[in-house]
Protein backbone atom coordinates (compact mmCIF):
# COMPACT_ATOMS: atom_id res chain seq x y z
CA MET A 1 70.27 -91.36 0.69
CA SER A 2 68.95 -90.24 4.05
CA GLY A 3 67.21 -87.18 4.61
CA ASN A 4 70.39 -85.41 5.99
CA GLU A 5 72.34 -86.25 2.93
CA ILE A 6 69.63 -84.87 0.69
CA LEU A 7 69.58 -81.77 2.98
CA ALA A 8 73.43 -81.49 2.72
CA LEU A 9 73.36 -81.84 -0.99
CA GLY A 10 70.81 -79.14 -1.41
CA LEU A 11 72.64 -76.69 0.74
CA LEU A 12 75.86 -77.35 -1.18
CA LEU A 13 73.87 -76.73 -4.39
CA VAL A 14 72.49 -73.52 -2.87
CA GLY A 15 76.03 -72.51 -2.09
CA GLY A 16 77.32 -73.16 -5.40
CA PHE A 17 74.69 -71.19 -6.89
CA LEU A 18 75.31 -68.18 -4.51
CA VAL A 19 79.12 -68.19 -5.36
CA GLY A 20 78.03 -68.02 -9.19
CA GLY A 21 76.11 -64.91 -7.99
CA VAL A 22 79.17 -63.54 -6.31
CA VAL A 23 81.28 -63.86 -9.56
CA SER A 24 78.50 -62.23 -11.62
CA PHE A 25 78.25 -59.13 -9.25
CA GLY A 26 81.72 -58.98 -8.88
CA ARG A 27 82.40 -58.48 -12.55
CA GLN A 28 79.68 -55.77 -12.38
CA ARG A 29 81.36 -54.08 -9.65
CA LYS A 30 78.58 -54.21 -7.36
CA TRP A 31 80.31 -54.97 -4.35
CA ILE A 32 77.68 -54.86 -1.57
CA ALA A 33 75.53 -57.44 -3.23
CA ALA A 34 78.50 -59.45 -3.96
CA VAL A 35 79.58 -59.46 -0.12
CA VAL A 36 76.00 -60.42 0.89
CA LEU A 37 75.95 -63.28 -1.46
CA ALA A 38 79.50 -64.46 -0.34
CA VAL A 39 78.38 -64.50 3.41
CA LEU A 40 75.15 -66.37 2.29
CA ALA A 41 77.07 -68.84 0.28
CA ALA A 42 79.74 -69.18 3.05
CA LEU A 43 76.77 -70.30 5.66
CA ALA A 44 75.19 -72.48 3.16
CA VAL A 45 78.23 -74.54 2.30
CA ALA A 46 79.27 -74.78 5.94
CA ALA A 47 75.97 -75.93 6.98
CA GLY A 48 75.99 -78.45 3.99
CA VAL A 49 79.45 -79.69 5.28
CA LEU A 50 78.25 -79.94 8.90
CA ARG A 51 75.04 -81.85 7.93
CA LEU A 52 77.48 -84.48 6.14
CA ILE A 53 79.95 -85.04 9.29
CA PRO A 54 78.58 -87.86 11.34
CA THR A 55 78.15 -86.98 15.08
C-alpha cells in the first residue's frame, strides 16, 4: 500500500467513527454536537475519497 492509500483509509476510518458519534449524539437530542460531527465526518470522507481518485 502506498502512503496515499494509507492516508485515505485512515480518513475513511475517522469518518466512520465520526458518523458513529453523530448517531450517538442524535439519539441524545444534542443536535449542535451532531451537526458539528456530521460536517467533520463529511469532510473526512470526502478527503479520503479524493485521495483514492488518481489524478
